[in-house]
Amino acid sequence: MAADVEVTVTGTPEIMARLSAYGSLLKDFAPFLRSEAGQLRLAVKGRFDTQGGDVGGWKPLSSKYAAWKAKRYPGQPILVATGELRQSLVNEGGFGAIEVVSAFELRFGTEVKHAKYHQFGTGKMPARRVLAMDEAARQGMAERLRSYMIKTVEAGS
């Protein structure tokens, strides 16, 4: 399971022409994307720490499952039993982590098989989103991208 985020740059013809002229300087976004992977890890860590507080809070466990989990994984919060899912998303290079960076793409997610059931829910289990970006997170990413582009162009011109 990996999250896809697409950024589209639009603007007046003058802005687009200027961007086109700077295109030769903006050929590799990998440094920016690696940094954004770190931002995503921090966001996911915060989501686990607050039990989904930034996405409206994760629904509580059913009483039956909560009793079962308390016996087998005492003290573990929602979405944490062995810690495999959390580790794969929070620790750089964690077991099962998906983090692939190229010049124009960042793939971030996990290979942990049960992640999709938590993310999207099932007929018997509510969705508890682990990977999510609200509008504020998207705006923050867009602002960091803008800054990266300006610094890159200024350094190269």
Protein backbone atom coordinates (compact mmCIF):
# COMPACT_ATOMS: atom_id res chain seq x y z
CA MET A 1 0.00 0.00 0.00
CA ALA A 2 1.46 3.36 -1.05
CA ALA A 3 -0.04 6.84 -1.19
CA ASP A 4 -0.14 8.85 -4.39
CA VAL A 5 -0.02 12.63 -4.26
CA GLU A 6 0.02 14.63 -7.47
CA VAL A 7 1.10 18.27 -7.64
CA THR A 8 -0.01 20.27 -10.67
CA VAL A 9 1.57 23.65 -11.36
CA THR A 10 -0.67 26.14 -13.13
CA GLY A 11 -0.50 29.85 -13.69
CA THR A 12 -0.51 32.67 -16.14
CA PRO A 13 1.25 32.24 -19.48
CA GLU A 14 4.08 34.47 -18.18
CA ILE A 15 4.66 32.22 -15.16
CA MET A 16 4.49 29.09 -17.29
CA ALA A 17 7.00 30.56 -19.79
CA ARG A 18 9.36 31.43 -16.95
CA LEU A 19 9.04 27.92 -15.52
CA SER A 20 9.76 26.49 -18.96
CA ALA A 21 12.93 28.59 -19.21
CA TYR A 22 14.06 27.32 -15.81
CA GLY A 23 13.23 23.75 -16.75
CA SER A 24 16.84 22.90 -17.44
CA LEU A 25 17.65 23.75 -13.82
CA LEU A 26 14.75 21.74 -12.43
CA LYS A 27 15.58 18.26 -13.65
CA ASP A 28 16.00 16.43 -10.36
CA PHE A 29 13.59 16.72 -7.46
CA ALA A 30 15.05 13.72 -5.61
CA PRO A 31 16.59 15.83 -2.80
CA PHE A 32 13.24 17.50 -2.18
CA LEU A 33 11.37 14.20 -2.39
CA ARG A 34 13.74 12.49 0.07
CA SER A 35 13.08 15.33 2.49
CA GLU A 36 9.32 14.93 1.97
CA ALA A 37 9.60 11.23 2.82
CA GLY A 38 10.94 12.35 6.18
CA GLN A 39 7.97 14.70 6.56
CA LEU A 40 5.60 11.82 5.79
CA ARG A 41 7.30 9.60 8.39
CA LEU A 42 6.89 12.35 10.99
CA ALA A 43 3.22 12.79 10.08
CA VAL A 44 2.56 9.06 10.36
CA LYS A 45 4.40 8.91 13.69
CA GLY A 46 2.18 11.72 14.96
CA ARG A 47 -0.87 9.88 13.70
CA PHE A 48 0.11 6.75 15.62
CA ASP A 49 0.98 8.80 18.72
CA THR A 50 -2.43 10.53 18.71
CA GLN A 51 -4.36 7.49 17.46
CA GLY A 52 -5.42 9.30 14.33
CA GLY A 53 -6.07 12.63 16.01
CA ASP A 54 -5.18 14.63 12.91
CA VAL A 55 -7.65 12.65 10.78
CA GLY A 56 -10.59 12.80 13.17
CA GLY A 57 -9.40 10.06 15.53
CA TRP A 58 -9.48 6.35 14.97
CA LYS A 59 -12.63 4.54 16.02
CA PRO A 60 -12.25 2.54 19.24
CA LEU A 61 -11.78 -1.21 19.08
CA SER A 62 -14.85 -3.35 19.56
CA SER A 63 -15.16 -4.52 23.16
CA LYS A 64 -14.68 -8.15 22.11
CA TYR A 65 -11.51 -7.43 20.15
CA ALA A 66 -10.19 -5.02 22.80
CA ALA A 67 -10.46 -7.80 25.43
CA TRP A 68 -8.70 -10.30 23.14
CA LYS A 69 -5.94 -7.78 22.31
CA ALA A 70 -5.42 -6.83 25.97
CA LYS A 71 -4.58 -10.46 26.76
CA ARG A 72 -2.23 -10.98 23.83
CA TYR A 73 -0.69 -7.52 23.38
CA PRO A 74 -1.13 -5.76 26.72
CA GLY A 75 -0.75 -2.01 26.69
CA GLN A 76 -0.58 -1.69 22.92
CA PRO A 77 -2.65 1.12 21.37
CA ILE A 78 -4.97 0.93 18.38
CA LEU A 79 -3.22 -0.33 15.21
CA VAL A 80 -0.26 -1.63 17.18
CA ALA A 81 0.08 -5.28 18.15
CA THR A 82 3.56 -6.40 17.12
CA GLY A 83 4.56 -2.91 15.93
CA GLU A 84 5.32 -4.15 12.41
CA LEU A 85 2.98 -1.70 10.64
CA ARG A 86 4.12 1.29 12.67
CA GLN A 87 7.82 0.46 12.23
CA SER A 88 7.43 0.06 8.46
CA LEU A 89 6.02 3.57 8.13
CA VAL A 90 7.84 5.50 10.86
CA ASN A 91 11.40 4.19 10.70
CA GLU A 92 13.48 4.99 7.64
CA GLY A 93 14.32 1.66 6.06
CA GLY A 94 12.04 -0.20 8.46
CA PHE A 95 11.09 -3.77 7.61
CA GLY A 96 8.37 -3.65 4.95
CA ALA A 97 8.83 0.06 4.24
CA ILE A 98 8.21 1.33 0.72
CA GLU A 99 10.27 4.41 0.00
CA VAL A 100 11.38 4.81 -3.57
CA VAL A 101 12.74 8.16 -4.76
CA SER A 102 13.59 9.14 -8.30
CA ALA A 103 14.03 12.51 -10.01
CA PHE A 104 10.27 13.11 -10.21
CA GLU A 105 8.58 10.53 -8.00
CA LEU A 106 8.29 9.50 -4.38
CA ARG A 107 6.55 6.23 -3.52
CA PHE A 108 5.91 5.96 0.20
CA GLY A 109 4.03 3.20 1.96
CA THR A 110 4.29 -0.27 3.41
CA GLU A 111 4.38 -3.87 2.27
CA VAL A 112 2.71 -5.01 5.50
CA LYS A 113 -0.20 -7.10 4.22
CA HIS A 114 -2.82 -6.04 6.76
CA ALA A 115 -2.20 -2.29 6.23
CA LYS A 116 -4.87 -2.04 3.54
CA TYR A 117 -7.55 -3.39 5.89
CA HIS A 118 -6.77 -0.68 8.43
CA GLN A 119 -6.53 2.05 5.79
CA PHE A 120 -9.76 1.22 3.97
CA GLY A 121 -11.69 -0.86 6.51
CA THR A 122 -13.62 -4.06 5.91
CA GLY A 123 -17.21 -5.16 6.39
CA LYS A 124 -16.41 -5.83 10.04
CA MET A 125 -13.73 -3.24 10.80
CA PRO A 126 -13.83 0.56 10.37
CA ALA A 127 -11.22 2.35 8.31
CA ARG A 128 -8.46 3.83 10.43
CA ARG A 129 -6.42 5.91 8.00
CA VAL A 130 -2.69 5.73 8.51
CA LEU A 131 -1.69 7.42 5.24
CA ALA A 132 -3.52 10.69 4.76
CA MET A 133 -2.85 14.27 3.74
CA ASP A 134 -5.29 17.00 4.64
CA GLU A 135 -5.37 20.36 2.89
CA ALA A 136 -2.93 21.91 5.37
CA ALA A 137 -0.41 19.11 4.71
CA ARG A 138 -0.81 19.55 0.95
CA GLN A 139 -0.32 23.31 1.27
CA GLY A 140 2.78 22.75 3.41
CA MET A 141 4.23 20.42 0.80
CA ALA A 142 3.43 22.90 -1.97
CA GLU A 143 5.17 25.70 -0.04
CA ARG A 144 8.26 23.54 0.59
CA LEU A 145 8.29 22.64 -3.13
CA ARG A 146 8.05 26.31 -4.07
CA SER A 147 10.99 27.14 -1.78
CA TYR A 148 13.03 24.24 -3.18
CA MET A 149 12.40 25.40 -6.75
CA ILE A 150 13.33 29.00 -5.98
CA LYS A 151 16.56 27.97 -4.23
CA THR A 152 17.45 25.61 -7.09
CA VAL A 153 16.85 28.26 -9.75
CA GLU A 154 18.72 30.95 -7.80
CA ALA A 155 21.70 28.63 -7.26
CA GLY A 156 21.83 27.74 -10.96
CA SER A 157 21.25 31.13 -12.60
